[in-house]
PDB file of N, CA and C in Angstrom:
ATOM      1  N   MET A   1     -51.183-103.465  68.232  1.00  0.00           N
ATOM      2  CA  MET A   1     -49.675-103.056  67.658  1.00  0.00           C
ATOM      3  C   MET A   1     -49.645-101.504  67.664  1.00  0.00           C
ATOM      4  N   SER A   2     -48.273-100.845  67.835  1.00  0.00           N
ATOM      5  CA  SER A   2     -48.202 -99.776  67.967  1.00  0.00           C
ATOM      6  C   SER A   2     -47.985 -99.127  66.405  1.00  0.00           C
ATOM      7  N   ASP A   3     -48.101 -97.615  66.493  1.00  0.00           N
ATOM      8  CA  ASP A   3     -47.948 -97.135  65.148  1.00  0.00           C
ATOM      9  C   ASP A   3     -46.474 -97.427  64.603  1.00  0.00           C
ATOM     10  N   THR A   4     -45.303 -97.470  65.459  1.00  0.00           N
ATOM     11  CA  THR A   4     -44.303 -97.566  64.940  1.00  0.00           C
ATOM     12  C   THR A   4     -43.898 -98.940  64.745  1.00  0.00           C
ATOM     13  N   GLU A   5     -44.574-100.014  65.033  1.00  0.00           N
ATOM     14  CA  GLU A   5     -44.520-101.592  64.265  1.00  0.00           C
ATOM     15  C   GLU A   5     -45.321-101.468  63.197  1.00  0.00           C
ATOM     16  N   GLN A   6     -46.461-100.754  63.234  1.00  0.00           N
ATOM     17  CA  GLN A   6     -47.133-101.006  61.710  1.00  0.00           C
ATOM     18  C   GLN A   6     -46.201-100.258  60.471  1.00  0.00           C
ATOM     19  N   GLU A   7     -45.592 -99.141  60.793  1.00  0.00           N
ATOM     20  CA  GLU A   7     -44.884 -98.216  59.775  1.00  0.00           C
ATOM     21  C   GLU A   7     -43.512 -98.889  59.624  1.00  0.00           C
ATOM     22  N   TRP A   8     -43.094 -99.956  60.405  1.00  0.00           N
ATOM     23  CA  TRP A   8     -41.665-100.482  60.255  1.00  0.00           C
ATOM     24  C   TRP A   8     -41.596-101.075  58.812  1.00  0.00           C
ATOM     25  N   LYS A   9     -40.478-100.659  58.228  1.00  0.00           N
ATOM     26  CA  LYS A   9     -39.993-101.629  57.052  1.00  0.00           C
ATOM     27  C   LYS A   9     -38.459-101.774  57.149  1.00  0.00           C
ATOM     28  N   PRO A  10     -38.292-102.582  56.576  1.00  0.00           N
ATOM     29  CA  PRO A  10     -36.820-103.197  56.753  1.00  0.00           C
ATOM     30  C   PRO A  10     -35.640-101.978  55.991  1.00  0.00           C
ATOM     31  N   ASN A  11     -34.751-101.892  56.902  1.00  0.00           N
ATOM     32  CA  ASN A  11     -33.612-101.010  56.435  1.00  0.00           C
ATOM     33  C   ASN A  11     -32.963-101.627  55.090  1.00  0.00           C
ATOM     34  N   PRO A  12     -32.982-100.648  54.127  1.00  0.00           N
ATOM     35  CA  PRO A  12     -32.365-101.103  52.882  1.00  0.00           C
ATOM     36  C   PRO A  12     -30.950-101.340  52.869  1.00  0.00           C
ATOM     37  N   ARG A  13     -30.198-100.724  54.050  1.00  0.00           N
ATOM     38  CA  ARG A  13     -28.678-101.115  54.156  1.00  0.00           C
ATOM     39  C   ARG A  13     -28.394-102.526  55.072  1.00  0.00           C
ATOM     40  N   ARG A  14     -29.688-103.186  55.645  1.00  0.00           N
ATOM     41  CA  ARG A  14     -29.428-103.886  56.277  1.00  0.00           C
ATOM     42  C   ARG A  14     -30.336-105.327  55.974  1.00  0.00           C
ATOM     43  N   PRO A  15     -30.090-106.093  54.968  1.00  0.00           N
ATOM     44  CA  PRO A  15     -31.002-106.853  54.536  1.00  0.00           C
ATOM     45  C   PRO A  15     -31.721-107.973  55.576  1.00  0.00           C
ATOM     46  N   GLN A  16     -32.949-108.308  55.164  1.00  0.00           N
ATOM     47  CA  GLN A  16     -33.824-109.092  56.175  1.00  0.00           C
ATOM     48  C   GLN A  16     -33.551-110.368  56.074  1.00  0.00           C
ATOM     49  N   SER A  17     -33.175-111.326  57.155  1.00  0.00           N
ATOM     50  CA  SER A  17     -32.710-112.588  57.178  1.00  0.00           C
ATOM     51  C   SER A  17     -33.744-113.432  56.768  1.00  0.00           C
ATOM     52  N   THR A  18     -33.282-114.499  56.131  1.00  0.00           N
ATOM     53  CA  THR A  18     -34.139-115.612  55.251  1.00  0.00           C
ATOM     54  C   THR A  18     -34.918-116.286  56.088  1.00  0.00           C
ATOM     55  N   MET A  19     -34.681-116.087  57.666  1.00  0.00           N
ATOM     56  CA  MET A  19     -35.674-116.894  58.603  1.00  0.00           C
ATOM     57  C   MET A  19     -36.651-116.094  59.021  1.00  0.00           C
ATOM     58  N   ALA A  20     -36.630-114.573  58.905  1.00  0.00           N
ATOM     59  CA  ALA A  20     -37.833-113.505  59.155  1.00  0.00           C
ATOM     60  C   ALA A  20     -38.484-113.532  58.026  1.00  0.00           C
ATOM     61  N   GLN A  21     -37.888-113.647  56.621  1.00  0.00           N
ATOM     62  CA  GLN A  21     -38.721-113.660  55.395  1.00  0.00           C
ATOM     63  C   GLN A  21     -39.683-114.805  55.375  1.00  0.00           C
ATOM     64  N   ALA A  22     -38.985-116.046  55.855  1.00  0.00           N
ATOM     65  CA  ALA A  22     -39.917-117.378  55.836  1.00  0.00           C
ATOM     66  C   ALA A  22     -40.896-117.179  56.846  1.00  0.00           C
ATOM     67  N   PHE A  23     -40.605-116.555  58.198  1.00  0.00           N
ATOM     68  CA  PHE A  23     -41.581-116.455  59.141  1.00  0.00           C
ATOM     69  C   PHE A  23     -42.944-115.442  58.438  1.00  0.00           C
ATOM     70  N   SER A  24     -42.471-114.573  57.929  1.00  0.00           N
ATOM     71  CA  SER A  24     -43.384-113.652  57.521  1.00  0.00           C
ATOM     72  C   SER A  24     -44.383-114.344  56.172  1.00  0.00           C
ATOM     73  N   LEU A  25     -43.552-115.051  55.364  1.00  0.00           N
ATOM     74  CA  LEU A  25     -44.411-115.777  54.652  1.00  0.00           C
ATOM     75  C   LEU A  25     -45.312-116.777  55.265  1.00  0.00           C
ATOM     76  N   ALA A  26     -45.023-117.581  56.261  1.00  0.00           N
ATOM     77  CA  ALA A  26     -45.800-118.555  56.952  1.00  0.00           C
ATOM     78  C   ALA A  26     -46.961-117.722  57.568  1.00  0.00           C
ATOM     79  N   LEU A  27     -46.576-116.561  58.245  1.00  0.00           N
ATOM     80  CA  LEU A  27     -47.686-115.826  58.551  1.00  0.00           C
ATOM     81  C   LEU A  27     -48.769-115.428  57.786  1.00  0.00           C
ATOM     82  N   ASP A  28     -48.299-115.023  56.441  1.00  0.00           N
ATOM     83  CA  ASP A  28     -49.301-114.452  55.417  1.00  0.00           C
ATOM     84  C   ASP A  28     -50.178-115.702  54.910  1.00  0.00           C
ATOM     85  N   ASN A  29     -49.431-116.618  54.895  1.00  0.00           N
ATOM     86  CA  ASN A  29     -50.149-118.063  54.486  1.00  0.00           C
ATOM     87  C   ASN A  29     -51.247-118.590  55.257  1.00  0.00           C
ATOM     88  N   ALA A  30     -50.601-118.502  56.675  1.00  0.00           N
ATOM     89  CA  ALA A  30     -51.591-118.856  57.784  1.00  0.00           C
ATOM     90  C   ALA A  30     -52.761-118.078  58.061  1.00  0.00           C
ATOM     91  N   PHE A  31     -52.818-116.752  57.850  1.00  0.00           N
ATOM     92  CA  PHE A  31     -53.728-115.848  58.145  1.00  0.00           C
ATOM     93  C   PHE A  31     -54.331-115.321  56.761  1.00  0.00           C
ATOM     94  N   MET A  32     -53.971-115.568  55.695  1.00  0.00           N
ATOM     95  CA  MET A  32     -54.249-115.303  54.229  1.00  0.00           C
ATOM     96  C   MET A  32     -54.209-113.755  54.026  1.00  0.00           C
ATOM     97  N   LEU A  33     -53.242-113.217  54.713  1.00  0.00           N
ATOM     98  CA  LEU A  33     -53.043-111.909  54.779  1.00  0.00           C
ATOM     99  C   LEU A  33     -52.837-111.399  53.010  1.00  0.00           C
ATOM    100  N   ASP A  34     -51.941-112.175  52.475  1.00  0.00           N
ATOM    101  CA  ASP A  34     -51.543-111.773  51.191  1.00  0.00           C
ATOM    102  C   ASP A  34     -52.142-112.955  50.261  1.00  0.00           C
ATOM    103  N   SER A  35     -53.369-113.005  50.148  1.00  0.00           N
ATOM    104  CA  SER A  35     -53.785-114.205  49.601  1.00  0.00           C
ATOM    105  C   SER A  35     -54.632-114.106  48.051  1.00  0.00           C
ATOM    106  N   ASP A  36     -54.541-115.135  47.391  1.00  0.00           N
ATOM    107  CA  ASP A  36     -55.122-115.176  46.219  1.00  0.00           C
ATOM    108  C   ASP A  36     -56.906-114.999  46.195  1.00  0.00           C
ATOM    109  N   VAL A  37     -57.186-115.284  47.431  1.00  0.00           N
ATOM    110  CA  VAL A  37     -58.823-115.185  47.525  1.00  0.00           C
ATOM    111  C   VAL A  37     -59.196-113.903  47.172  1.00  0.00           C
ATOM    112  N   ASP A  38     -58.364-112.868  47.861  1.00  0.00           N
ATOM    113  CA  ASP A  38     -59.049-111.468  47.724  1.00  0.00           C
ATOM    114  C   ASP A  38     -58.997-111.015  46.240  1.00  0.00           C
ATOM    115  N   HIS A  39     -57.965-111.614  45.228  1.00  0.00           N
ATOM    116  CA  HIS A  39     -57.847-111.336  43.944  1.00  0.00           C
ATOM    117  C   HIS A  39     -58.957-112.185  43.216  1.00  0.00           C
ATOM    118  N   LEU A  40     -59.325-113.402  43.537  1.00  0.00           N
ATOM    119  CA  LEU A  40     -60.519-114.117  43.061  1.00  0.00           C
ATOM    120  C   LEU A  40     -61.680-113.170  43.336  1.00  0.00           C
ATOM    121  N   THR A  41     -61.810-113.057  44.449  1.00  0.00           N
ATOM    122  CA  THR A  41     -63.129-112.108  44.844  1.00  0.00           C
ATOM    123  C   THR A  41     -63.500-111.042  44.037  1.00  0.00           C
ATOM    124  N   GLN A  42     -62.291-110.408  43.822  1.00  0.00           N
ATOM    125  CA  GLN A  42     -62.361-108.966  43.012  1.00  0.00           C
ATOM    126  C   GLN A  42     -62.735-109.610  41.642  1.00  0.00           C
ATOM    127  N   SER A  43     -62.042-110.545  41.117  1.00  0.00           N
ATOM    128  CA  SER A  43     -62.315-110.984  39.892  1.00  0.00           C
ATOM    129  C   SER A  43     -63.858-111.448  39.543  1.00  0.00           C
ATOM    130  N   ILE A  44     -64.504-112.107  40.648  1.00  0.00           N
ATOM    131  CA  ILE A  44     -65.736-112.852  40.659  1.00  0.00           C
ATOM    132  C   ILE A  44     -66.688-111.494  40.724  1.00  0.00           C
ATOM    133  N   GLU A  45     -66.463-110.402  41.324  1.00  0.00           N
ATOM    134  CA  GLU A  45     -67.214-109.347  41.624  1.00  0.00           C
ATOM    135  C   GLU A  45     -67.284-108.484  40.131  1.00  0.00           C
ATOM    136  N   GLN A  46     -65.889-108.596  39.672  1.00  0.00           N
ATOM    137  CA  GLN A  46     -66.002-107.678  38.143  1.00  0.00           C
ATOM    138  C   GLN A  46     -66.833-108.419  37.157  1.00  0.00           C
ATOM    139  N   LYS A  47     -66.686-109.846  37.135  1.00  0.00           N
ATOM    140  CA  LYS A  47     -67.275-110.692  36.249  1.00  0.00           C
ATOM    141  C   LYS A  47     -68.814-110.665  36.508  1.00  0.00           C
ATOM    142  N   LYS A  48     -69.398-110.517  37.720  1.00  0.00           N
ATOM    143  CA  LYS A  48     -70.679-110.702  38.085  1.00  0.00           C
ATOM    144  C   LYS A  48     -71.199-109.089  37.616  1.00  0.00           C
ATOM    145  N   GLN A  49     -70.485-108.092  37.538  1.00  0.00           N
ATOM    146  CA  GLN A  49     -70.738-106.610  37.002  1.00  0.00           C
ATOM    147  C   GLN A  49     -70.897-106.728  35.497  1.00  0.00           C
ATOM    148  N   MET A  50     -69.846-107.300  34.808  1.00  0.00           N
ATOM    149  CA  MET A  50     -70.055-107.495  33.478  1.00  0.00           C
ATOM    150  C   MET A  50     -71.105-108.285  33.037  1.00  0.00           C
ATOM    151  N   MET A  51     -71.585-109.269  33.742  1.00  0.00           N
ATOM    152  CA  MET A  51     -72.663-110.032  33.467  1.00  0.00           C
ATOM    153  C   MET A  51     -73.933-109.177  33.395  1.00  0.00           C
ATOM    154  N   THR A  52     -73.832-108.425  34.543  1.00  0.00           N
ATOM    155  CA  THR A  52     -75.129-107.715  34.589  1.00  0.00           C
ATOM    156  C   THR A  52     -75.164-106.677  33.642  1.00  0.00           C
ATOM    157  N   ILE A  53     -74.121-105.993  33.129  1.00  0.00           N
ATOM    158  CA  ILE A  53     -74.263-104.907  32.249  1.00  0.00           C
ATOM    159  C   ILE A  53     -74.673-105.828  30.929  1.00  0.00           C
ATOM    160  N   GLN A  54     -73.964-106.904  30.702  1.00  0.00           N
ATOM    161  CA  GLN A  54     -74.299-107.547  29.472  1.00  0.00           C
ATOM    162  C   GLN A  54     -75.905-108.091  29.437  1.00  0.00           C
ATOM    163  N   ALA A  55     -76.217-108.407  30.458  1.00  0.00           N
ATOM    164  CA  ALA A  55     -77.693-108.925  30.586  1.00  0.00           C
ATOM    165  C   ALA A  55     -78.648-107.679  30.283  1.00  0.00           C
ATOM    166  N   ARG A  56     -78.348-106.656  30.714  1.00  0.00           N
ATOM    167  CA  ARG A  56     -79.169-105.381  30.611  1.00  0.00           C
ATOM    168  C   ARG A  56     -78.840-104.997  28.949  1.00  0.00           C
ATOM    169  N   GLU A  57     -77.759-105.069  28.210  1.00  0.00           N
ATOM    170  CA  GLU A  57     -77.588-104.744  27.126  1.00  0.00           C
ATOM    171  C   GLU A  57     -78.332-105.710  26.224  1.00  0.00           C
ATOM    172  N   LEU A  58     -78.506-107.021  26.528  1.00  0.00           N
ATOM    173  CA  LEU A  58     -79.191-108.103  25.890  1.00  0.00           C
ATOM    174  C   LEU A  58     -80.768-107.628  26.046  1.00  0.00           C
ATOM    175  N   GLU A  59     -81.164-107.468  26.948  1.00  0.00           N
ATOM    176  CA  GLU A  59     -82.604-107.135  27.184  1.00  0.00           C
ATOM    177  C   GLU A  59     -83.001-106.076  26.301  1.00  0.00           C
ATOM    178  N   ALA A  60     -82.053-104.970  26.429  1.00  0.00           N
ATOM    179  CA  ALA A  60     -82.439-103.746  25.305  1.00  0.00           C
ATOM    180  C   ALA A  60     -82.493-104.149  23.769  1.00  0.00           C
ATOM    181  N   LEU A  61     -81.395-104.937  23.543  1.00  0.00           N
ATOM    182  CA  LEU A  61     -81.620-105.397  22.057  1.00  0.00           C
ATOM    183  C   LEU A  61     -82.390-106.266  21.780  1.00  0.00           C
ATOM    184  N   GLN A  62     -83.142-107.293  22.670  1.00  0.00           N
ATOM    185  CA  GLN A  62     -84.229-108.018  22.568  1.00  0.00           C
ATOM    186  C   GLN A  62     -85.474-107.132  22.386  1.00  0.00           C
ATOM    187  N   ALA A  63     -85.609-106.177  23.256  1.00  0.00           N
ATOM    188  CA  ALA A  63     -86.833-105.251  23.031  1.00  0.00           C
ATOM    189  C   ALA A  63     -86.814-104.456  21.618  1.00  0.00           C
ATOM    190  N   LYS A  64     -85.430-104.213  21.257  1.00  0.00           N
ATOM    191  CA  LYS A  64     -85.474-103.355  19.786  1.00  0.00           C
ATOM    192  C   LYS A  64     -85.968-104.225  18.722  1.00  0.00           C
ATOM    193  N   ILE A  65     -85.421-105.690  19.002  1.00  0.00           N
ATOM    194  CA  ILE A  65     -85.895-106.452  17.731  1.00  0.00           C
ATOM    195  C   ILE A  65     -87.273-106.872  18.107  1.00  0.00           C
ATOM    196  N   ARG A  66     -87.982-106.807  19.118  1.00  0.00           N
ATOM    197  CA  ARG A  66     -89.365-107.069  19.239  1.00  0.00           C
ATOM    198  C   ARG A  66     -89.871-105.902  18.553  1.00  0.00           C
ATOM    199  N   GLU A  67     -89.663-104.766  18.899  1.00  0.00           N
ATOM    200  CA  GLU A  67     -90.263-103.610  18.433  1.00  0.00           C
ATOM    201  C   GLU A  67     -90.133-103.416  16.753  1.00  0.00           C
ATOM    202  N   ALA A  68     -89.045-104.108  16.399  1.00  0.00           N
ATOM    203  CA  ALA A  68     -88.872-103.878  14.888  1.00  0.00           C
ATOM    204  C   ALA A  68     -89.655-104.974  14.142  1.00  0.00           C
ATOM    205  N   GLU A  69     -89.680-106.060  14.835  1.00  0.00           N
ATOM    206  CA  GLU A  69     -90.571-107.229  14.199  1.00  0.00           C
ATOM    207  C   GLU A  69     -91.914-106.847  14.511  1.00  0.00           C
ATOM    208  N   GLU A  70     -92.654-106.001  15.382  1.00  0.00           N
ATOM    209  CA  GLU A  70     -94.046-105.733  15.588  1.00  0.00           C
ATOM    210  C   GLU A  70     -94.028-104.904  14.501  1.00  0.00           C
ATOM    211  N   ARG A  71     -93.253-103.734  14.192  1.00  0.00           N
ATOM    212  CA  ARG A  71     -93.360-102.900  13.047  1.00  0.00           C
ATOM    213  C   ARG A  71     -93.661-103.511  11.685  1.00  0.00           C
ATOM    214  N   LEU A  72     -92.599-104.417  11.553  1.00  0.00           N
ATOM    215  CA  LEU A  72     -92.463-105.341  10.336  1.00  0.00           C
ATOM    216  C   LEU A  72     -93.853-105.975   9.853  1.00  0.00           C
ATOM    217  N   ASN A  73     -94.540-106.584  11.197  1.00  0.00           N
ATOM    218  CA  ASN A  73     -95.703-107.345  11.134  1.00  0.00           C
ATOM    219  C   ASN A  73     -96.767-106.456  10.714  1.00  0.00           C
ATOM    220  N   ARG A  74     -96.817-105.235  11.316  1.00  0.00           N
ATOM    221  CA  ARG A  74     -97.925-104.191  11.142  1.00  0.00           C
ATOM    222  C   ARG A  74     -97.689-103.500   9.722  1.00  0.00           C
ATOM    223  N   ASP A  75     -96.419-103.338   9.254  1.00  0.00           N
ATOM    224  CA  ASP A  75     -96.298-102.726   7.801  1.00  0.00           C
ATOM    225  C   ASP A  75     -97.018-103.955   6.771  1.00  0.00           C
ATOM    226  N   LYS A  76     -96.379-105.228   6.858  1.00  0.00           N
ATOM    227  CA  LYS A  76     -96.735-106.409   6.337  1.00  0.00           C
ATOM    228  C   LYS A  76     -98.535-106.535   5.999  1.00  0.00           C
ATOM    229  N   SER A  77     -99.221-106.422   7.336  1.00  0.00           N
ATOM    230  CA  SER A  77    -100.693-106.642   7.419  1.00  0.00           C
ATOM    231  C   SER A  77    -101.169-105.154   6.941  1.00  0.00           C
ATOM    232  N   ASP A  78    -100.489-104.180   6.815  1.00  0.00           N
ATOM    233  CA  ASP A  78    -101.096-102.964   5.949  1.00  0.00           C
ATOM    234  C   ASP A  78    -101.043-103.153   4.616  1.00  0.00           C
ATOM    235  N   GLU A  79     -99.931-103.680   4.094  1.00  0.00           N
ATOM    236  CA  GLU A  79     -99.768-103.650   2.734  1.00  0.00           C
ATOM    237  C   GLU A  79    -100.600-104.777   1.939  1.00  0.00           C
ATOM    238  N   GLN A  80    -100.950-105.760   2.638  1.00  0.00           N
ATOM    239  CA  GLN A  80    -101.767-106.966   2.350  1.00  0.00           C
ATOM    240  C   GLN A  80    -103.111-106.556   1.605  1.00  0.00           C
ATOM    241  N   PRO A  81    -103.995-105.831   2.411  1.00  0.00           N
ATOM    242  CA  PRO A  81    -105.116-105.527   1.740  1.00  0.00           C
ATOM    243  C   PRO A  81    -105.084-104.467   0.786  1.00  0.00           C
ATOM    244  N   SER A  82    -103.817-103.561   0.370  1.00  0.00           N
ATOM    245  CA  SER A  82    -103.901-102.971  -0.687  1.00  0.00           C
ATOM    246  C   SER A  82    -103.155-103.712  -1.881  1.00  0.00           C
ATOM    247  N   SER A  83    -102.240-104.558  -1.453  1.00  0.00           N
ATOM    248  CA  SER A  83    -101.793-105.487  -2.576  1.00  0.00           C
ATOM    249  C   SER A  83    -102.857-106.342  -2.926  1.00  0.00           C
ATOM    250  N   GLN A  84    -103.582-106.845  -2.292  1.00  0.00           N
ATOM    251  CA  GLN A  84    -104.983-107.606  -2.899  1.00  0.00           C
ATOM    252  C   GLN A  84    -105.859-106.742  -3.690  1.00  0.00           C
ATOM    253  N   ALA A  85    -106.106-105.665  -3.444  1.00  0.00           N
ATOM    254  CA  ALA A  85    -106.981-104.674  -4.294  1.00  0.00           C
ATOM    255  C   ALA A  85    -106.328-104.430  -5.490  1.00  0.00           C
ATOM    256  N   ASN A  86    -104.766-104.410  -5.611  1.00  0.00           N
ATOM    257  CA  ASN A  86    -104.586-103.966  -7.054  1.00  0.00           C
ATOM    258  C   ASN A  86    -104.240-105.248  -7.601  1.00  0.00           C
ATOM    259  N   GLY A  87    -104.002-106.323  -7.153  1.00  0.00           N
ATOM    260  CA  GLY A  87    -104.101-107.830  -7.551  1.00  0.00           C
ATOM    261  C   GLY A  87    -105.166-108.212  -8.247  1.00  0.00           C
ATOM    262  N   ARG A  88    -106.407-107.689  -8.127  1.00  0.00           N
ATOM    263  CA  ARG A  88    -107.578-108.027  -8.621  1.00  0.00           C
ATOM    264  C   ARG A  88    -107.744-107.745 -10.039  1.00  0.00           C
ATOM    265  N   GLY A  89    -106.991-106.561 -10.306  1.00  0.00           N
ATOM    266  CA  GLY A  89    -107.088-106.147 -12.022  1.00  0.00           C
ATOM    267  C   GLY A  89    -106.210-107.122 -12.885  1.00  0.00           C
ATOM    268  N   GLY A  90    -105.419-107.820 -12.341  1.00  0.00           N
ATOM    269  CA  GLY A  90    -104.716-108.506 -13.402  1.00  0.00           C
ATOM    270  C   GLY A  90    -103.158-108.493 -12.620  1.00  0.00           C
ATOM    271  N   SER A  91    -102.229-107.612 -13.420  1.00  0.00           N
ATOM    272  CA  SER A  91    -100.776-107.257 -12.986  1.00  0.00           C
ATOM    273  C   SER A  91    -100.941-106.016 -12.009  1.00  0.00           C
ATOM    274  N   SER A  92     -99.848-106.206 -11.397  1.00  0.00           N
ATOM    275  CA  SER A  92     -99.818-104.884 -10.483  1.00  0.00           C
ATOM    276  C   SER A  92     -99.110-103.723 -11.149  1.00  0.00           C
ATOM    277  N   SER A  93     -99.504-102.534 -10.454  1.00  0.00           N
ATOM    278  CA  SER A  93     -98.926-101.266 -10.907  1.00  0.00           C
ATOM    279  C   SER A  93     -97.507-101.311 -11.423  1.00  0.00           C
ATOM    280  N   ALA A  94     -96.604-102.121 -10.546  1.00  0.00           N
ATOM    281  CA  ALA A  94     -95.156-101.925 -10.808  1.00  0.00           C
ATOM    282  C   ALA A  94     -94.850-102.778 -12.125  1.00  0.00           C
ATOM    283  N   ASP A  95     -95.563-103.704 -12.341  1.00  0.00           N
ATOM    284  CA  ASP A  95     -95.469-104.564 -13.473  1.00  0.00           C
ATOM    285  C   ASP A  95     -95.920-103.389 -14.855  1.00  0.00           C
ATOM    286  N   GLN A  96     -96.935-102.812 -14.685  1.00  0.00           N
ATOM    287  CA  GLN A  96     -97.443-102.121 -15.621  1.00  0.00           C
ATOM    288  C   GLN A  96     -96.501-100.724 -16.056  1.00  0.00           C
ATOM    289  N   GLU A  97     -95.830-100.462 -15.044  1.00  0.00           N
ATOM    290  CA  GLU A  97     -95.173 -99.300 -15.353  1.00  0.00           C
ATOM    291  C   GLU A  97     -93.867 -99.377 -16.520  1.00  0.00           C
ATOM    292  N   GLY A  98     -94.179 -98.652 -17.397  1.00  0.00           N
ATOM    293  CA  GLY A  98     -92.946 -98.600 -18.521  1.00  0.00           C
ATOM    294  C   GLY A  98     -93.436 -99.617 -19.837  1.00  0.00           C
ATOM    295  N   ARG A  99     -94.504-100.246 -19.731  1.00  0.00           N
ATOM    296  CA  ARG A  99     -95.198-101.052 -20.670  1.00  0.00           C
ATOM    297  C   ARG A  99     -96.117-100.303 -21.261  1.00  0.00           C
ATOM    298  N   GLY A 100     -95.819-100.064 -22.623  1.00  0.00           N
ATOM    299  CA  GLY A 100     -96.941 -99.539 -23.393  1.00  0.00           C
ATOM    300  C   GLY A 100     -97.141 -98.192 -23.053  1.00  0.00           C
ATOM    301  N   SER A 101     -96.087 -97.534 -22.407  1.00  0.00           N
ATOM    302  CA  SER A 101     -96.497 -96.164 -22.131  1.00  0.00           C
ATOM    303  C   SER A 101     -95.923 -95.342 -23.106  1.00  0.00           C
ATOM    304  N   THR A 102     -96.503 -94.267 -23.358  1.00  0.00           N
ATOM    305  CA  THR A 102     -96.326 -93.293 -24.351  1.00  0.00           C
ATOM    306  C   THR A 102     -95.051 -92.152 -24.006  1.00  0.00           C
ATOM    307  N   ASP A 103     -94.966 -92.181 -22.665  1.00  0.00           N
ATOM    308  CA  ASP A 103     -93.969 -91.134 -21.975  1.00  0.00           C
ATOM    309  C   ASP A 103     -92.853 -91.836 -21.467  1.00  0.00           C
ATOM    310  N   SER A 104     -92.434 -93.024 -21.995  1.00  0.00           N
ATOM    311  CA  SER A 104     -91.362 -93.643 -21.669  1.00  0.00           C
ATOM    312  C   SER A 104     -90.272 -92.932 -22.223  1.00  0.00           C
ATOM    313  N   ALA A 105     -88.950 -92.950 -21.285  1.00  0.00           N
ATOM    314  CA  ALA A 105     -87.579 -92.335 -21.500  1.00  0.00           C
ATOM    315  C   ALA A 105     -87.060 -92.858 -22.808  1.00  0.00           C
ATOM    316  N   ALA A 106     -86.567 -91.921 -23.186  1.00  0.00           N
ATOM    317  CA  ALA A 106     -85.832 -92.065 -24.514  1.00  0.00           C
ATOM    318  C   ALA A 106     -84.691 -92.929 -24.528  1.00  0.00           C
ATOM    319  N   THR A 107     -84.026 -93.486 -25.050  1.00  0.00           N
ATOM    320  CA  THR A 107     -82.820 -94.352 -25.191  1.00  0.00           C
ATOM    321  C   THR A 107     -81.895 -93.896 -26.332  1.00  0.00           C
ATOM    322  N   SER A 108     -80.653 -94.375 -26.330  1.00  0.00           N
ATOM    323  CA  SER A 108     -79.505 -93.855 -27.160  1.00  0.00           C
ATOM    324  C   SER A 108     -80.155 -94.402 -28.585  1.00  0.00           C
ATOM    325  N   HIS A 109     -80.846 -95.712 -28.649  1.00  0.00           N
ATOM    326  CA  HIS A 109     -81.280 -96.135 -29.872  1.00  0.00           C
ATOM    327  C   HIS A 109     -82.700 -95.109 -30.331  1.00  0.00           C
ATOM    328  N   ASP A 110     -83.283 -94.539 -29.784  1.00  0.00           N
ATOM    329  CA  ASP A 110     -84.508 -93.597 -30.165  1.00  0.00           C
ATOM    330  C   ASP A 110     -83.855 -92.689 -31.056  1.00  0.00           C
ATOM    331  N   LEU A 111     -82.600 -91.952 -30.259  1.00  0.00           N
ATOM    332  CA  LEU A 111     -82.119 -90.983 -30.743  1.00  0.00           C
ATOM    333  C   LEU A 111     -81.229 -91.165 -32.017  1.00  0.00           C
ATOM    334  N   ASP A 112     -80.645 -92.160 -32.492  1.00  0.00           N
ATOM    335  CA  ASP A 112     -80.162 -92.746 -33.570  1.00  0.00           C
ATOM    336  C   ASP A 112     -81.276 -92.931 -34.617  1.00  0.00           C
ATOM    337  N   VAL A 113     -82.468 -93.448 -34.297  1.00  0.00           N
ATOM    338  CA  VAL A 113     -83.374 -93.845 -35.108  1.00  0.00           C
ATOM    339  C   VAL A 113     -83.929 -92.348 -35.753  1.00  0.00           C
ATOM    340  N   GLY A 114     -84.132 -91.601 -34.592  1.00  0.00           N
ATOM    341  CA  GLY A 114     -84.660 -90.112 -34.966  1.00  0.00           C
ATOM    342  C   GLY A 114     -83.687 -89.210 -35.931  1.00  0.00           C
ATOM    343  N   GLU A 115     -82.335 -89.580 -35.927  1.00  0.00           N
ATOM    344  CA  GLU A 115     -81.360 -88.633 -36.811  1.00  0.00           C
ATOM    345  C   GLU A 115     -81.370 -89.543 -38.197  1.00  0.00           C
ATOM    346  N   ASP A 116     -81.764 -90.814 -38.022  1.00  0.00           N
ATOM    347  CA  ASP A 116     -81.831 -91.383 -39.378  1.00  0.00           C
ATOM    348  C   ASP A 116     -83.262 -90.684 -40.224  1.00  0.00           C
ATOM    349  N   HIS A 117     -84.293 -90.711 -39.423  1.00  0.00           N
ATOM    350  CA  HIS A 117     -85.275 -90.028 -40.125  1.00  0.00           C
ATOM    351  C   HIS A 117     -85.168 -88.613 -40.603  1.00  0.00           C
ATOM    352  N   GLY A 118     -84.493 -87.802 -39.791  1.00  0.00           N
ATOM    353  CA  GLY A 118     -84.119 -86.770 -40.243  1.00  0.00           C
ATOM    354  C   GLY A 118     -83.205 -86.384 -41.429  1.00  0.00           C
ATOM    355  N   LYS A 119     -82.374 -87.315 -41.566  1.00  0.00           N
ATOM    356  CA  LYS A 119     -81.287 -87.400 -42.924  1.00  0.00           C
ATOM    357  C   LYS A 119     -81.952 -87.851 -43.978  1.00  0.00           C
ATOM    358  N   ALA A 120     -83.356 -88.618 -43.888  1.00  0.00           N
ATOM    359  CA  ALA A 120     -83.780 -89.292 -44.941  1.00  0.00           C
ATOM    360  C   ALA A 120     -84.846 -87.911 -45.414  1.00  0.00           C
ATOM    361  N   LYS A 121     -85.373 -86.999 -44.751  1.00  0.00           N
ATOM    362  CA  LYS A 121     -86.322 -86.085 -44.910  1.00  0.00           C
ATOM    363  C   LYS A 121     -85.306 -84.945 -45.883  1.00  0.00           C
ATOM    364  N   GLU A 122     -84.052 -84.806 -45.388  1.00  0.00           N
ATOM    365  CA  GLU A 122     -83.318 -83.713 -45.832  1.00  0.00           C
ATOM    366  C   GLU A 122     -82.794 -84.221 -47.470  1.00  0.00           C
ATOM    367  N   THR A 123     -82.462 -85.512 -47.561  1.00  0.00           N
ATOM    368  CA  THR A 123     -82.366 -85.894 -49.102  1.00  0.00           C
ATOM    369  C   THR A 123     -83.438 -86.162 -49.762  1.00  0.00           C
ATOM    370  N   SER A 124     -84.801 -86.139 -49.494  1.00  0.00           N
ATOM    371  CA  SER A 124     -85.726 -86.140 -50.265  1.00  0.00           C
ATOM    372  C   SER A 124     -86.125 -84.838 -51.045  1.00  0.00           C
TER     373      SER A 124
END
């Protein structure tokens, strides 16, 4: 084909005949020049790329989960000997906090009781 034939476009002032349009469509169908196969191929390639990307992301997330599980297991194994040592004496230190402590925080009730004792001393 020459360059003039490749660059040829129908003249907008002169419509293309239906016979020419049908022949053009038949050629396109016969040689799959304007086919859905190209679109399907592109779609498949895009989906393959997306699958590859998602597989990599999944592997990265699984690696992070494995690392977190390993850290959690290490932390649990590190805590078990220390909690067993504390457990031998009866209750753990968390249970003993605030019980029978002389340095416990004051409550509003403690303030009310203190004011009552002060008033009783003033009247006596």
